[in-house]
Amino acid sequence: MVRAQTALLGLGLPVTVRPRHTYVAGDIALLIVDWAIEGTGPEGERVHVEGTATDVARRGADGLWRYVIDNPFGAARPGTP
């Protein structure tokens, strides 16, 4: 999964994100986020990749949130494997 995520980010295209749900319990949060990468790839090809991420974050002692689990393909869309 890390390899796939690195390849997608390596395209240098903007990532659009839309939070769908945020569930917070104390200093732990579950985030469900729809995302899409769209544009022209390095070889001139059209790129469109989308998914729904399931992420877990923890609030640190400094008050900042940090990802504990980052699963960019945490929920499959209809028609995807």
N, C-alpha and C. Protein backbone atom coordinates (compact mmCIF):
# COMPACT_ATOMS: atom_id res chain seq x y z
N MET A 1 0.83 -1.19 0.00
CA MET A 1 0.00 0.00 0.00
C MET A 1 0.87 1.25 0.00
N VAL A 2 1.98 1.23 0.72
CA VAL A 2 2.87 2.38 0.75
C VAL A 2 3.42 2.67 -0.64
N ARG A 3 3.75 1.61 -1.38
CA ARG A 3 4.27 1.77 -2.74
C ARG A 3 3.23 2.44 -3.64
N ALA A 4 1.98 2.01 -3.55
CA ALA A 4 0.90 2.60 -4.36
C ALA A 4 0.68 4.06 -4.00
N GLN A 5 0.69 4.34 -2.71
CA GLN A 5 0.49 5.72 -2.25
C GLN A 5 1.64 6.61 -2.72
N THR A 6 2.85 6.11 -2.65
CA THR A 6 4.01 6.88 -3.11
C THR A 6 3.93 7.15 -4.61
N ALA A 7 3.50 6.15 -5.38
CA ALA A 7 3.37 6.32 -6.83
C ALA A 7 2.32 7.37 -7.16
N LEU A 8 1.19 7.35 -6.46
CA LEU A 8 0.14 8.33 -6.72
C LEU A 8 0.61 9.74 -6.39
N LEU A 9 1.26 9.91 -5.26
CA LEU A 9 1.74 11.23 -4.88
C LEU A 9 2.88 11.68 -5.79
N GLY A 10 3.64 10.71 -6.33
CA GLY A 10 4.74 11.01 -7.22
C GLY A 10 4.29 11.59 -8.56
N LEU A 11 3.01 11.49 -8.87
CA LEU A 11 2.49 12.07 -10.11
C LEU A 11 2.55 13.59 -10.08
N GLY A 12 2.62 14.15 -8.87
CA GLY A 12 2.69 15.60 -8.74
C GLY A 12 1.38 16.31 -9.04
N LEU A 13 0.28 15.58 -8.98
CA LEU A 13 -1.03 16.17 -9.26
C LEU A 13 -1.72 16.54 -7.96
N PRO A 14 -2.61 17.53 -8.02
CA PRO A 14 -3.31 17.92 -6.80
C PRO A 14 -4.27 16.81 -6.33
N VAL A 15 -4.42 16.73 -5.03
CA VAL A 15 -5.34 15.79 -4.40
C VAL A 15 -6.50 16.60 -3.83
N THR A 16 -7.71 16.25 -4.23
CA THR A 16 -8.91 16.89 -3.70
C THR A 16 -9.48 15.97 -2.62
N VAL A 17 -9.76 16.51 -1.45
CA VAL A 17 -10.33 15.70 -0.36
C VAL A 17 -11.65 16.31 0.11
N ARG A 18 -12.57 15.42 0.47
CA ARG A 18 -13.86 15.85 1.01
C ARG A 18 -14.19 14.95 2.21
N PRO A 19 -14.06 15.49 3.43
CA PRO A 19 -14.41 14.69 4.60
C PRO A 19 -15.88 14.25 4.54
N ARG A 20 -16.11 12.97 4.75
CA ARG A 20 -17.47 12.44 4.75
C ARG A 20 -18.00 12.31 6.18
N HIS A 21 -17.17 11.74 7.05
CA HIS A 21 -17.55 11.56 8.45
C HIS A 21 -16.33 11.76 9.33
N THR A 22 -16.52 12.33 10.49
CA THR A 22 -15.48 12.43 11.50
C THR A 22 -16.10 12.01 12.83
N TYR A 23 -15.51 11.00 13.45
CA TYR A 23 -15.98 10.52 14.74
C TYR A 23 -14.86 10.72 15.74
N VAL A 24 -15.12 11.46 16.81
CA VAL A 24 -14.10 11.75 17.80
C VAL A 24 -14.51 11.18 19.14
N ALA A 25 -13.57 10.47 19.78
CA ALA A 25 -13.77 9.93 21.12
C ALA A 25 -12.52 10.30 21.91
N GLY A 26 -12.63 11.35 22.71
CA GLY A 26 -11.47 11.81 23.48
C GLY A 26 -10.37 12.29 22.55
N ASP A 27 -9.21 11.64 22.63
CA ASP A 27 -8.06 12.04 21.82
C ASP A 27 -7.84 11.14 20.60
N ILE A 28 -8.86 10.36 20.24
CA ILE A 28 -8.78 9.49 19.07
C ILE A 28 -9.89 9.89 18.10
N ALA A 29 -9.59 9.89 16.80
CA ALA A 29 -10.60 10.24 15.79
C ALA A 29 -10.55 9.24 14.64
N LEU A 30 -11.72 8.87 14.15
CA LEU A 30 -11.86 8.07 12.95
C LEU A 30 -12.34 9.01 11.85
N LEU A 31 -11.61 9.05 10.74
CA LEU A 31 -11.93 9.95 9.64
C LEU A 31 -12.25 9.14 8.39
N ILE A 32 -13.37 9.44 7.76
CA ILE A 32 -13.74 8.84 6.48
C ILE A 32 -13.70 9.98 5.48
N VAL A 33 -12.82 9.86 4.49
CA VAL A 33 -12.56 10.98 3.58
C VAL A 33 -12.59 10.49 2.13
N ASP A 34 -13.42 11.12 1.30
CA ASP A 34 -13.40 10.86 -0.14
C ASP A 34 -12.28 11.70 -0.75
N TRP A 35 -11.52 11.12 -1.66
CA TRP A 35 -10.41 11.84 -2.28
C TRP A 35 -10.35 11.53 -3.77
N ALA A 36 -9.73 12.42 -4.52
CA ALA A 36 -9.54 12.21 -5.95
C ALA A 36 -8.24 12.88 -6.40
N ILE A 37 -7.57 12.22 -7.33
CA ILE A 37 -6.39 12.78 -7.99
C ILE A 37 -6.75 12.83 -9.47
N GLU A 38 -6.66 14.01 -10.04
CA GLU A 38 -7.07 14.18 -11.43
C GLU A 38 -6.15 15.17 -12.13
N GLY A 39 -5.81 14.85 -13.37
CA GLY A 39 -4.97 15.76 -14.14
C GLY A 39 -4.25 15.02 -15.25
N THR A 40 -3.17 15.58 -15.71
CA THR A 40 -2.35 14.99 -16.77
C THR A 40 -1.07 14.45 -16.16
N GLY A 41 -0.80 13.18 -16.41
CA GLY A 41 0.38 12.52 -15.87
C GLY A 41 1.65 12.97 -16.57
N PRO A 42 2.80 12.49 -16.08
CA PRO A 42 4.10 12.92 -16.59
C PRO A 42 4.33 12.58 -18.06
N GLU A 43 3.62 11.58 -18.58
CA GLU A 43 3.79 11.20 -19.99
C GLU A 43 2.62 11.67 -20.85
N GLY A 44 1.85 12.64 -20.34
CA GLY A 44 0.75 13.22 -21.09
C GLY A 44 -0.55 12.46 -21.01
N GLU A 45 -0.59 11.39 -20.22
CA GLU A 45 -1.81 10.59 -20.09
C GLU A 45 -2.77 11.22 -19.09
N ARG A 46 -4.06 11.01 -19.32
CA ARG A 46 -5.10 11.50 -18.41
C ARG A 46 -5.11 10.61 -17.18
N VAL A 47 -5.11 11.21 -16.00
CA VAL A 47 -5.11 10.47 -14.73
C VAL A 47 -6.37 10.81 -13.96
N HIS A 48 -7.09 9.77 -13.54
CA HIS A 48 -8.22 9.96 -12.63
C HIS A 48 -8.24 8.76 -11.69
N VAL A 49 -7.95 9.01 -10.43
CA VAL A 49 -7.96 7.97 -9.40
C VAL A 49 -8.75 8.54 -8.24
N GLU A 50 -9.63 7.73 -7.67
CA GLU A 50 -10.40 8.20 -6.51
C GLU A 50 -10.60 7.06 -5.54
N GLY A 51 -10.93 7.42 -4.34
CA GLY A 51 -11.17 6.42 -3.32
C GLY A 51 -11.75 7.05 -2.08
N THR A 52 -11.97 6.21 -1.10
CA THR A 52 -12.46 6.66 0.20
C THR A 52 -11.49 6.14 1.25
N ALA A 53 -10.85 7.06 1.94
CA ALA A 53 -9.86 6.69 2.95
C ALA A 53 -10.53 6.49 4.30
N THR A 54 -9.99 5.56 5.05
CA THR A 54 -10.38 5.35 6.44
C THR A 54 -9.12 5.59 7.26
N ASP A 55 -9.12 6.62 8.06
CA ASP A 55 -7.93 7.01 8.81
C ASP A 55 -8.23 7.13 10.30
N VAL A 56 -7.21 6.91 11.09
CA VAL A 56 -7.31 7.10 12.54
C VAL A 56 -6.24 8.10 12.95
N ALA A 57 -6.64 9.07 13.75
CA ALA A 57 -5.71 10.10 14.23
C ALA A 57 -5.76 10.15 15.76
N ARG A 58 -4.65 10.61 16.33
CA ARG A 58 -4.57 10.77 17.79
C ARG A 58 -4.09 12.19 18.07
N ARG A 59 -4.74 12.83 19.07
CA ARG A 59 -4.32 14.17 19.47
C ARG A 59 -3.15 14.04 20.44
N GLY A 60 -2.07 14.75 20.15
CA GLY A 60 -0.89 14.71 21.00
C GLY A 60 -1.02 15.67 22.17
N ALA A 61 -0.06 15.60 23.06
CA ALA A 61 -0.04 16.47 24.24
C ALA A 61 0.01 17.94 23.84
N ASP A 62 0.54 18.21 22.64
CA ASP A 62 0.62 19.59 22.14
C ASP A 62 -0.68 20.06 21.48
N GLY A 63 -1.71 19.17 21.45
CA GLY A 63 -3.00 19.54 20.88
C GLY A 63 -3.12 19.28 19.39
N LEU A 64 -2.01 18.89 18.73
CA LEU A 64 -2.05 18.63 17.29
C LEU A 64 -2.48 17.19 17.01
N TRP A 65 -3.23 16.99 15.91
CA TRP A 65 -3.66 15.66 15.50
C TRP A 65 -2.63 15.06 14.57
N ARG A 66 -2.34 13.77 14.77
CA ARG A 66 -1.40 13.04 13.92
C ARG A 66 -2.02 11.71 13.51
N TYR A 67 -1.77 11.34 12.25
CA TYR A 67 -2.28 10.07 11.76
C TYR A 67 -1.59 8.91 12.47
N VAL A 68 -2.39 7.96 12.91
CA VAL A 68 -1.89 6.72 13.49
C VAL A 68 -2.03 5.62 12.44
N ILE A 69 -3.15 5.64 11.71
CA ILE A 69 -3.40 4.72 10.61
C ILE A 69 -3.89 5.54 9.43
N ASP A 70 -3.27 5.33 8.27
CA ASP A 70 -3.66 6.02 7.04
C ASP A 70 -3.93 4.95 5.99
N ASN A 71 -5.19 4.68 5.73
CA ASN A 71 -5.59 3.66 4.77
C ASN A 71 -6.32 4.34 3.61
N PRO A 72 -5.60 4.73 2.53
CA PRO A 72 -6.22 5.50 1.46
C PRO A 72 -7.30 4.75 0.69
N PHE A 73 -7.31 3.43 0.77
CA PHE A 73 -8.34 2.63 0.09
C PHE A 73 -9.16 1.88 1.12
N GLY A 74 -9.53 2.58 2.20
CA GLY A 74 -10.22 1.95 3.31
C GLY A 74 -11.65 1.54 3.06
N ALA A 75 -12.26 2.06 2.03
CA ALA A 75 -13.63 1.68 1.69
C ALA A 75 -13.72 1.58 0.17
N ALA A 76 -14.09 0.42 -0.31
CA ALA A 76 -14.19 0.24 -1.76
C ALA A 76 -15.47 0.87 -2.29
N ARG A 77 -15.37 1.42 -3.47
CA ARG A 77 -16.55 1.96 -4.17
C ARG A 77 -17.16 0.85 -5.01
N PRO A 78 -18.45 0.95 -5.30
CA PRO A 78 -19.08 -0.06 -6.17
C PRO A 78 -18.31 -0.19 -7.47
N GLY A 79 -18.09 -1.41 -7.89
CA GLY A 79 -17.40 -1.66 -9.15
C GLY A 79 -15.89 -1.73 -9.03
N THR A 80 -15.36 -1.57 -7.81
CA THR A 80 -13.91 -1.68 -7.62
C THR A 80 -13.61 -2.95 -6.85
N PRO A 81 -12.43 -3.51 -7.05
CA PRO A 81 -12.08 -4.75 -6.33
C PRO A 81 -11.86 -4.51 -4.86
